[in-house]
Amino acid sequence: LRHYTRDAAYAAFMEQEVGTLRAGMLADFVVLSEDLLSVPPE
């Protein structure tokens, strides 16, 4: 997840605008059907 968000933003000098969710950042986010952090990897 970090590599697809925060690190990819850093790679484009955009980490102060996108890649994380905190006040002041551009409102870019994704809603998922399930919690990929708890779903079994397979």
All heavy atoms as atom14 arrays in JSON, in Angstrom:
{
  "sequence": "LRHYTRDAAYAAFMEQEVGTLRAGMLADFVVLSEDLLSVPPE",
  "atom14_mask": [
    [1, 1, 1, 1, 1, 1, 1, 1, 0, 0, 0, 0, 0, 0],
    [1, 1, 1, 1, 1, 1, 1, 1, 1, 1, 1, 0, 0, 0],
    [1, 1, 1, 1, 1, 1, 1, 1, 1, 1, 0, 0, 0, 0],
    [1, 1, 1, 1, 1, 1, 1, 1, 1, 1, 1, 1, 0, 0],
    [1, 1, 1, 1, 1, 1, 1, 0, 0, 0, 0, 0, 0, 0],
    [1, 1, 1, 1, 1, 1, 1, 1, 1, 1, 1, 0, 0, 0],
    [1, 1, 1, 1, 1, 1, 1, 1, 0, 0, 0, 0, 0, 0],
    [1, 1, 1, 1, 1, 0, 0, 0, 0, 0, 0, 0, 0, 0],
    [1, 1, 1, 1, 1, 0, 0, 0, 0, 0, 0, 0, 0, 0],
    [1, 1, 1, 1, 1, 1, 1, 1, 1, 1, 1, 1, 0, 0],
    [1, 1, 1, 1, 1, 0, 0, 0, 0, 0, 0, 0, 0, 0],
    [1, 1, 1, 1, 1, 0, 0, 0, 0, 0, 0, 0, 0, 0],
    [1, 1, 1, 1, 1, 1, 1, 1, 1, 1, 1, 0, 0, 0],
    [1, 1, 1, 1, 1, 1, 1, 1, 0, 0, 0, 0, 0, 0],
    [1, 1, 1, 1, 1, 1, 1, 1, 1, 0, 0, 0, 0, 0],
    [1, 1, 1, 1, 1, 1, 1, 1, 1, 0, 0, 0, 0, 0],
    [1, 1, 1, 1, 1, 1, 1, 1, 1, 0, 0, 0, 0, 0],
    [1, 1, 1, 1, 1, 1, 1, 0, 0, 0, 0, 0, 0, 0],
    [1, 1, 1, 1, 0, 0, 0, 0, 0, 0, 0, 0, 0, 0],
    [1, 1, 1, 1, 1, 1, 1, 0, 0, 0, 0, 0, 0, 0],
    [1, 1, 1, 1, 1, 1, 1, 1, 0, 0, 0, 0, 0, 0],
    [1, 1, 1, 1, 1, 1, 1, 1, 1, 1, 1, 0, 0, 0],
    [1, 1, 1, 1, 1, 0, 0, 0, 0, 0, 0, 0, 0, 0],
    [1, 1, 1, 1, 0, 0, 0, 0, 0, 0, 0, 0, 0, 0],
    [1, 1, 1, 1, 1, 1, 1, 1, 0, 0, 0, 0, 0, 0],
    [1, 1, 1, 1, 1, 1, 1, 1, 0, 0, 0, 0, 0, 0],
    [1, 1, 1, 1, 1, 0, 0, 0, 0, 0, 0, 0, 0, 0],
    [1, 1, 1, 1, 1, 1, 1, 1, 0, 0, 0, 0, 0, 0],
    [1, 1, 1, 1, 1, 1, 1, 1, 1, 1, 1, 0, 0, 0],
    [1, 1, 1, 1, 1, 1, 1, 0, 0, 0, 0, 0, 0, 0],
    [1, 1, 1, 1, 1, 1, 1, 0, 0, 0, 0, 0, 0, 0],
    [1, 1, 1, 1, 1, 1, 1, 1, 0, 0, 0, 0, 0, 0],
    [1, 1, 1, 1, 1, 1, 0, 0, 0, 0, 0, 0, 0, 0],
    [1, 1, 1, 1, 1, 1, 1, 1, 1, 0, 0, 0, 0, 0],
    [1, 1, 1, 1, 1, 1, 1, 1, 0, 0, 0, 0, 0, 0],
    [1, 1, 1, 1, 1, 1, 1, 1, 0, 0, 0, 0, 0, 0],
    [1, 1, 1, 1, 1, 1, 1, 1, 0, 0, 0, 0, 0, 0],
    [1, 1, 1, 1, 1, 1, 0, 0, 0, 0, 0, 0, 0, 0],
    [1, 1, 1, 1, 1, 1, 1, 0, 0, 0, 0, 0, 0, 0],
    [1, 1, 1, 1, 1, 1, 1, 0, 0, 0, 0, 0, 0, 0],
    [1, 1, 1, 1, 1, 1, 1, 0, 0, 0, 0, 0, 0, 0],
    [1, 1, 1, 1, 1, 1, 1, 1, 1, 0, 0, 0, 0, 0]
  ],
  "atom14_positions": [
    [[0.83, -1.21, 0.0], [0.0, 0.0, 0.0], [0.87, 1.26, 0.0], [0.59, 2.22, -0.72], [-0.91, 0.0, 1.22], [-2.31, -0.57, 1.07], [-3.04, -0.53, 2.41], [-3.11, 0.17, 0.01], [0.0, 0.0, 0.0], [0.0, 0.0, 0.0], [0.0, 0.0, 0.0], [0.0, 0.0, 0.0], [0.0, 0.0, 0.0], [0.0, 0.0, 0.0]],
    [[1.9, 1.27, 0.82], [2.79, 2.44, 0.86], [3.41, 2.7, -0.5], [3.54, 3.85, -0.94], [3.88, 2.25, 1.91], [3.43, 2.39, 3.35], [4.63, 2.61, 4.27], [5.64, 1.56, 4.12], [5.65, 0.42, 4.81], [4.7, 0.18, 5.7], [6.6, -0.47, 4.62], [0.0, 0.0, 0.0], [0.0, 0.0, 0.0], [0.0, 0.0, 0.0]],
    [[3.82, 1.61, -1.17], [4.48, 1.79, -2.46], [3.53, 2.32, -3.53], [3.97, 2.99, -4.47], [5.11, 0.46, -2.91], [6.13, -0.08, -1.95], [6.9, 0.72, -1.15], [6.51, -1.36, -1.67], [7.71, -0.03, -0.41], [7.49, -1.29, -0.71], [0.0, 0.0, 0.0], [0.0, 0.0, 0.0], [0.0, 0.0, 0.0], [0.0, 0.0, 0.0]],
    [[2.24, 2.01, -3.4], [1.25, 2.5, -4.35], [0.69, 3.87, -3.98], [-0.09, 4.44, -4.75], [0.08, 1.51, -4.45], [0.23, 0.43, -5.49], [0.23, -0.91, -5.14], [0.34, 0.75, -6.85], [0.34, -1.91, -6.1], [0.45, -0.23, -7.81], [0.45, -1.56, -7.43], [0.55, -2.55, -8.39], [0.0, 0.0, 0.0], [0.0, 0.0, 0.0]],
    [[1.06, 4.4, -2.83], [0.48, 5.67, -2.38], [1.58, 6.66, -1.99], [2.04, 7.44, -2.82], [-0.5, 5.43, -1.21], [0.17, 4.72, -0.14], [-1.69, 4.6, -1.66], [0.0, 0.0, 0.0], [0.0, 0.0, 0.0], [0.0, 0.0, 0.0], [0.0, 0.0, 0.0], [0.0, 0.0, 0.0], [0.0, 0.0, 0.0], [0.0, 0.0, 0.0]],
    [[2.0, 6.6, -0.75], [2.96, 7.58, -0.24], [4.27, 7.59, -1.03], [4.79, 8.65, -1.4], [3.24, 7.3, 1.24], [4.09, 8.35, 1.92], [4.36, 7.94, 3.37], [5.26, 6.79, 3.46], [5.5, 6.11, 4.57], [4.86, 6.41, 5.68], [6.36, 5.11, 4.58], [0.0, 0.0, 0.0], [0.0, 0.0, 0.0], [0.0, 0.0, 0.0]],
    [[4.82, 6.39, -1.28], [6.11, 6.33, -1.97], [5.99, 6.75, -3.44], [6.9, 7.4, -3.98], [6.69, 4.92, -1.87], [7.06, 4.55, -0.44], [7.19, 5.45, 0.4], [7.18, 3.34, -0.15], [0.0, 0.0, 0.0], [0.0, 0.0, 0.0], [0.0, 0.0, 0.0], [0.0, 0.0, 0.0], [0.0, 0.0, 0.0], [0.0, 0.0, 0.0]],
    [[4.89, 6.38, -4.07], [4.68, 6.79, -5.46], [4.49, 8.31, -5.55], [4.93, 8.94, -6.53], [3.48, 6.06, -6.06], [0.0, 0.0, 0.0], [0.0, 0.0, 0.0], [0.0, 0.0, 0.0], [0.0, 0.0, 0.0], [0.0, 0.0, 0.0], [0.0, 0.0, 0.0], [0.0, 0.0, 0.0], [0.0, 0.0, 0.0], [0.0, 0.0, 0.0]],
    [[3.85, 8.9, -4.55], [3.72, 10.36, -4.52], [5.09, 11.02, -4.37], [5.4, 12.01, -5.05], [2.8, 10.78, -3.37], [0.0, 0.0, 0.0], [0.0, 0.0, 0.0], [0.0, 0.0, 0.0], [0.0, 0.0, 0.0], [0.0, 0.0, 0.0], [0.0, 0.0, 0.0], [0.0, 0.0, 0.0], [0.0, 0.0, 0.0], [0.0, 0.0, 0.0]],
    [[5.91, 10.47, -3.49], [7.27, 10.99, -3.29], [8.07, 10.92, -4.58], [8.84, 11.83, -4.9], [7.95, 10.18, -2.19], [9.36, 10.61, -1.87], [9.61, 11.62, -0.93], [10.45, 10.01, -2.49], [10.91, 12.01, -0.64], [11.75, 10.39, -2.2], [11.97, 11.39, -1.28], [13.26, 11.77, -1.0], [0.0, 0.0, 0.0], [0.0, 0.0, 0.0]],
    [[7.86, 9.87, -5.36], [8.6, 9.7, -6.6], [8.28, 10.77, -7.62], [9.02, 10.98, -8.59], [8.31, 8.31, -7.2], [0.0, 0.0, 0.0], [0.0, 0.0, 0.0], [0.0, 0.0, 0.0], [0.0, 0.0, 0.0], [0.0, 0.0, 0.0], [0.0, 0.0, 0.0], [0.0, 0.0, 0.0], [0.0, 0.0, 0.0], [0.0, 0.0, 0.0]],
    [[7.17, 11.48, -7.42], [6.77, 12.56, -8.33], [6.81, 13.93, -7.65], [6.21, 14.89, -8.15], [5.36, 12.29, -8.86], [0.0, 0.0, 0.0], [0.0, 0.0, 0.0], [0.0, 0.0, 0.0], [0.0, 0.0, 0.0], [0.0, 0.0, 0.0], [0.0, 0.0, 0.0], [0.0, 0.0, 0.0], [0.0, 0.0, 0.0], [0.0, 0.0, 0.0]],
    [[7.5, 14.04, -6.52], [7.57, 15.29, -5.76], [6.18, 15.79, -5.36], [5.92, 16.99, -5.3], [8.28, 16.39, -6.57], [9.75, 16.16, -6.78], [10.21, 15.49, -7.92], [10.68, 16.59, -5.86], [11.56, 15.27, -8.12], [12.05, 16.38, -6.06], [12.49, 15.71, -7.19], [0.0, 0.0, 0.0], [0.0, 0.0, 0.0], [0.0, 0.0, 0.0]],
    [[5.28, 14.87, -5.08], [3.9, 15.24, -4.76], [3.49, 14.81, -3.36], [2.3, 14.84, -3.04], [2.95, 14.6, -5.78], [2.98, 15.2, -7.16], [2.0, 16.72, -7.27], [0.33, 16.06, -7.27], [0.0, 0.0, 0.0], [0.0, 0.0, 0.0], [0.0, 0.0, 0.0], [0.0, 0.0, 0.0], [0.0, 0.0, 0.0], [0.0, 0.0, 0.0]],
    [[4.43, 14.43, -2.52], [4.08, 13.87, -1.21], [3.44, 14.88, -0.27], [2.82, 14.49, 0.73], [5.3, 13.23, -0.55], [6.32, 14.2, 0.03], [7.3, 14.74, -0.98], [7.11, 14.52, -2.2], [8.29, 15.39, -0.56], [0.0, 0.0, 0.0], [0.0, 0.0, 0.0], [0.0, 0.0, 0.0], [0.0, 0.0, 0.0], [0.0, 0.0, 0.0]],
    [[3.56, 16.17, -0.56], [2.88, 17.18, 0.25], [1.45, 17.44, -0.24], [0.72, 18.24, 0.36], [3.67, 18.5, 0.23], [5.07, 18.38, 0.82], [5.06, 17.89, 2.26], [4.21, 18.29, 3.06], [5.99, 17.0, 2.6], [0.0, 0.0, 0.0], [0.0, 0.0, 0.0], [0.0, 0.0, 0.0], [0.0, 0.0, 0.0], [0.0, 0.0, 0.0]],
    [[1.07, 16.78, -1.33], [-0.26, 16.99, -1.92], [-1.11, 15.73, -1.91], [-2.32, 15.79, -1.7], [-0.1, 17.5, -3.36], [0.66, 18.81, -3.49], [-0.23, 20.01, -3.22], [-1.45, 19.85, -3.18], [0.32, 21.11, -3.05], [0.0, 0.0, 0.0], [0.0, 0.0, 0.0], [0.0, 0.0, 0.0], [0.0, 0.0, 0.0], [0.0, 0.0, 0.0]],
    [[-0.49, 14.59, -2.21], [-1.23, 13.33, -2.34], [-0.42, 12.21, -1.7], [0.73, 12.39, -1.3], [-1.52, 13.0, -3.82], [-2.42, 14.03, -4.46], [-0.22, 12.86, -4.62], [0.0, 0.0, 0.0], [0.0, 0.0, 0.0], [0.0, 0.0, 0.0], [0.0, 0.0, 0.0], [0.0, 0.0, 0.0], [0.0, 0.0, 0.0], [0.0, 0.0, 0.0]],
    [[-1.05, 11.04, -1.6], [-0.34, 9.85, -1.11], [-0.63, 9.5, 0.33], [-0.43, 8.36, 0.74], [0.0, 0.0, 0.0], [0.0, 0.0, 0.0], [0.0, 0.0, 0.0], [0.0, 0.0, 0.0], [0.0, 0.0, 0.0], [0.0, 0.0, 0.0], [0.0, 0.0, 0.0], [0.0, 0.0, 0.0], [0.0, 0.0, 0.0], [0.0, 0.0, 0.0]],
    [[-1.09, 10.46, 1.11], [-1.53, 10.22, 2.48], [-2.82, 11.02, 2.71], [-3.14, 11.92, 1.94], [-0.47, 10.64, 3.52], [-0.11, 12.02, 3.3], [0.78, 9.78, 3.42], [0.0, 0.0, 0.0], [0.0, 0.0, 0.0], [0.0, 0.0, 0.0], [0.0, 0.0, 0.0], [0.0, 0.0, 0.0], [0.0, 0.0, 0.0], [0.0, 0.0, 0.0]],
    [[-3.52, 10.67, 3.77], [-4.78, 11.33, 4.09], [-4.63, 12.12, 5.38], [-4.59, 11.55, 6.47], [-5.91, 10.3, 4.21], [-6.18, 9.47, 2.95], [-7.27, 8.43, 3.21], [-6.58, 10.38, 1.78], [0.0, 0.0, 0.0], [0.0, 0.0, 0.0], [0.0, 0.0, 0.0], [0.0, 0.0, 0.0], [0.0, 0.0, 0.0], [0.0, 0.0, 0.0]],
    [[-4.49, 13.41, 5.23], [-4.45, 14.31, 6.39], [-4.95, 15.67, 5.95], [-4.97, 15.99, 4.77], [-3.04, 14.4, 7.0], [-1.98, 15.0, 6.1], [-0.66, 15.14, 6.86], [0.35, 15.84, 6.07], [1.22, 15.23, 5.27], [1.21, 13.92, 5.17], [2.1, 15.94, 4.58], [0.0, 0.0, 0.0], [0.0, 0.0, 0.0], [0.0, 0.0, 0.0]],
    [[-5.37, 16.47, 6.91], [-5.95, 17.77, 6.61], [-5.02, 18.6, 5.73], [-3.8, 18.66, 5.98], [-6.28, 18.52, 7.89], [0.0, 0.0, 0.0], [0.0, 0.0, 0.0], [0.0, 0.0, 0.0], [0.0, 0.0, 0.0], [0.0, 0.0, 0.0], [0.0, 0.0, 0.0], [0.0, 0.0, 0.0], [0.0, 0.0, 0.0], [0.0, 0.0, 0.0]],
    [[-5.58, 19.22, 4.71], [-4.82, 20.06, 3.8], [-4.4, 19.36, 2.53], [-4.08, 20.02, 1.54], [0.0, 0.0, 0.0], [0.0, 0.0, 0.0], [0.0, 0.0, 0.0], [0.0, 0.0, 0.0], [0.0, 0.0, 0.0], [0.0, 0.0, 0.0], [0.0, 0.0, 0.0], [0.0, 0.0, 0.0], [0.0, 0.0, 0.0], [0.0, 0.0, 0.0]],
    [[-4.38, 18.01, 2.53], [-3.99, 17.28, 1.34], [-5.13, 17.28, 0.33], [-6.3, 17.51, 0.68], [-3.64, 15.83, 1.71], [-2.52, 15.69, 2.73], [-0.89, 16.05, 2.05], [-0.51, 14.49, 1.26], [0.0, 0.0, 0.0], [0.0, 0.0, 0.0], [0.0, 0.0, 0.0], [0.0, 0.0, 0.0], [0.0, 0.0, 0.0], [0.0, 0.0, 0.0]],
    [[-4.8, 17.04, -0.93], [-5.84, 16.88, -1.93], [-6.71, 15.69, -1.58], [-6.22, 14.67, -1.09], [-5.21, 16.7, -3.32], [-4.53, 17.96, -3.88], [-3.66, 17.61, -5.08], [-5.56, 19.02, -4.26], [0.0, 0.0, 0.0], [0.0, 0.0, 0.0], [0.0, 0.0, 0.0], [0.0, 0.0, 0.0], [0.0, 0.0, 0.0], [0.0, 0.0, 0.0]],
    [[-8.0, 15.8, -1.82], [-8.96, 14.78, -1.38], [-9.01, 13.63, -2.38], [-9.95, 13.49, -3.16], [-10.34, 15.4, -1.2], [0.0, 0.0, 0.0], [0.0, 0.0, 0.0], [0.0, 0.0, 0.0], [0.0, 0.0, 0.0], [0.0, 0.0, 0.0], [0.0, 0.0, 0.0], [0.0, 0.0, 0.0], [0.0, 0.0, 0.0], [0.0, 0.0, 0.0]],
    [[-7.96, 12.83, -2.37], [-7.86, 11.65, -3.24], [-7.91, 10.41, -2.35], [-6.98, 10.16, -1.56], [-6.54, 11.65, -4.0], [-6.4, 12.81, -4.98], [-7.32, 13.65, -5.04], [-5.37, 12.86, -5.68], [0.0, 0.0, 0.0], [0.0, 0.0, 0.0], [0.0, 0.0, 0.0], [0.0, 0.0, 0.0], [0.0, 0.0, 0.0], [0.0, 0.0, 0.0]],
    [[-8.96, 9.61, -2.49], [-9.05, 8.4, -1.68], [-9.9, 7.35, -2.37], [-10.63, 7.63, -3.33], [-9.56, 8.7, -0.27], [-10.91, 9.36, -0.2], [-12.08, 8.62, -0.11], [-11.02, 10.75, -0.21], [-13.32, 9.24, -0.03], [-12.25, 11.38, -0.14], [-13.41, 10.62, -0.04], [0.0, 0.0, 0.0], [0.0, 0.0, 0.0], [0.0, 0.0, 0.0]],
    [[-9.8, 6.12, -1.86], [-10.47, 4.97, -2.45], [-11.22, 4.24, -1.35], [-10.69, 4.05, -0.24], [-9.45, 4.01, -3.11], [-10.16, 2.82, -3.74], [-8.61, 4.75, -4.14], [0.0, 0.0, 0.0], [0.0, 0.0, 0.0], [0.0, 0.0, 0.0], [0.0, 0.0, 0.0], [0.0, 0.0, 0.0], [0.0, 0.0, 0.0], [0.0, 0.0, 0.0]],
    [[-12.43, 3.81, -1.66], [-13.23, 2.99, -0.75], [-13.25, 1.57, -1.3], [-13.52, 1.35, -2.49], [-14.67, 3.53, -0.62], [-15.45, 2.7, 0.4], [-14.65, 5.0, -0.22], [0.0, 0.0, 0.0], [0.0, 0.0, 0.0], [0.0, 0.0, 0.0], [0.0, 0.0, 0.0], [0.0, 0.0, 0.0], [0.0, 0.0, 0.0], [0.0, 0.0, 0.0]],
    [[-12.95, 0.59, -0.44], [-12.84, -0.8, -0.86], [-13.99, -1.64, -0.31], [-14.55, -1.32, 0.74], [-11.51, -1.38, -0.39], [-10.26, -0.62, -0.89], [-9.0, -1.19, -0.21], [-10.14, -0.72, -2.4], [0.0, 0.0, 0.0], [0.0, 0.0, 0.0], [0.0, 0.0, 0.0], [0.0, 0.0, 0.0], [0.0, 0.0, 0.0], [0.0, 0.0, 0.0]],
    [[-14.3, -2.7, -1.01], [-15.41, -3.56, -0.6], [-15.11, -4.32, 0.68], [-16.02, -4.64, 1.45], [-15.74, -4.55, -1.72], [-14.63, -5.41, -1.96], [0.0, 0.0, 0.0], [0.0, 0.0, 0.0], [0.0, 0.0, 0.0], [0.0, 0.0, 0.0], [0.0, 0.0, 0.0], [0.0, 0.0, 0.0], [0.0, 0.0, 0.0], [0.0, 0.0, 0.0]],
    [[-13.84, -4.65, 0.89], [-13.43, -5.38, 2.08], [-12.14, -4.79, 2.61], [-11.47, -4.0, 1.93], [-13.23, -6.87, 1.76], [-14.49, -7.59, 1.3], [-14.24, -9.08, 1.1], [-13.8, -9.74, 2.06], [-14.48, -9.57, -0.02], [0.0, 0.0, 0.0], [0.0, 0.0, 0.0], [0.0, 0.0, 0.0], [0.0, 0.0, 0.0], [0.0, 0.0, 0.0]],
    [[-11.78, -5.2, 3.81], [-10.56, -4.69, 4.44], [-9.37, -5.5, 3.96], [-9.1, -6.59, 4.46], [-10.69, -4.76, 5.96], [-9.5, -4.12, 6.65], [-8.61, -3.57, 5.95], [-9.44, -4.17, 7.9], [0.0, 0.0, 0.0], [0.0, 0.0, 0.0], [0.0, 0.0, 0.0], [0.0, 0.0, 0.0], [0.0, 0.0, 0.0], [0.0, 0.0, 0.0]],
    [[-8.64, -4.97, 2.99], [-7.52, -5.73, 2.45], [-6.4, -5.93, 3.47], [-5.52, -6.79, 3.28], [-6.97, -5.08, 1.18], [-6.03, -3.88, 1.26], [-5.54, -3.55, -0.17], [-6.66, -2.67, 1.87], [0.0, 0.0, 0.0], [0.0, 0.0, 0.0], [0.0, 0.0, 0.0], [0.0, 0.0, 0.0], [0.0, 0.0, 0.0], [0.0, 0.0, 0.0]],
    [[-6.44, -5.19, 4.59], [-5.43, -5.38, 5.63], [-5.75, -6.58, 6.53], [-4.9, -7.0, 7.31], [-5.31, -4.12, 6.48], [-4.69, -2.91, 5.75], [-4.84, -1.66, 6.59], [-3.22, -3.18, 5.44], [0.0, 0.0, 0.0], [0.0, 0.0, 0.0], [0.0, 0.0, 0.0], [0.0, 0.0, 0.0], [0.0, 0.0, 0.0], [0.0, 0.0, 0.0]],
    [[-6.94, -7.13, 6.41], [-7.28, -8.29, 7.24], [-7.68, -9.51, 6.41], [-7.78, -10.61, 6.94], [-8.42, -7.95, 8.21], [-9.58, -7.55, 7.51], [0.0, 0.0, 0.0], [0.0, 0.0, 0.0], [0.0, 0.0, 0.0], [0.0, 0.0, 0.0], [0.0, 0.0, 0.0], [0.0, 0.0, 0.0], [0.0, 0.0, 0.0], [0.0, 0.0, 0.0]],
    [[-7.9, -9.33, 5.11], [-8.23, -10.46, 4.24], [-7.01, -11.37, 4.12], [-5.88, -10.88, 3.97], [-8.66, -9.95, 2.85], [-8.75, -11.09, 1.85], [-9.99, -9.23, 2.94], [0.0, 0.0, 0.0], [0.0, 0.0, 0.0], [0.0, 0.0, 0.0], [0.0, 0.0, 0.0], [0.0, 0.0, 0.0], [0.0, 0.0, 0.0], [0.0, 0.0, 0.0]],
    [[-7.17, -12.69, 4.17], [-6.02, -13.59, 3.95], [-5.35, -13.29, 2.62], [-6.05, -13.03, 1.62], [-6.67, -14.98, 3.96], [-7.91, -14.82, 4.77], [-8.4, -13.43, 4.48], [0.0, 0.0, 0.0], [0.0, 0.0, 0.0], [0.0, 0.0, 0.0], [0.0, 0.0, 0.0], [0.0, 0.0, 0.0], [0.0, 0.0, 0.0], [0.0, 0.0, 0.0]],
    [[-4.03, -13.29, 2.56], [-3.33, -12.88, 1.33], [-3.81, -13.59, 0.08], [-3.97, -12.97, -0.97], [-1.87, -13.22, 1.64], [-1.76, -13.09, 3.13], [-3.08, -13.58, 3.66], [0.0, 0.0, 0.0], [0.0, 0.0, 0.0], [0.0, 0.0, 0.0], [0.0, 0.0, 0.0], [0.0, 0.0, 0.0], [0.0, 0.0, 0.0], [0.0, 0.0, 0.0]],
    [[-4.06, -14.9, 0.19], [-4.46, -15.63, -1.0], [-5.87, -15.26, -1.47], [-6.3, -15.65, -2.57], [-4.39, -17.13, -0.75], [-5.33, -17.66, 0.32], [-4.78, -17.52, 1.74], [-3.71, -16.88, 1.9], [-5.41, -18.07, 2.67], [0.0, 0.0, 0.0], [0.0, 0.0, 0.0], [0.0, 0.0, 0.0], [0.0, 0.0, 0.0], [0.0, 0.0, 0.0]]
  ]
}
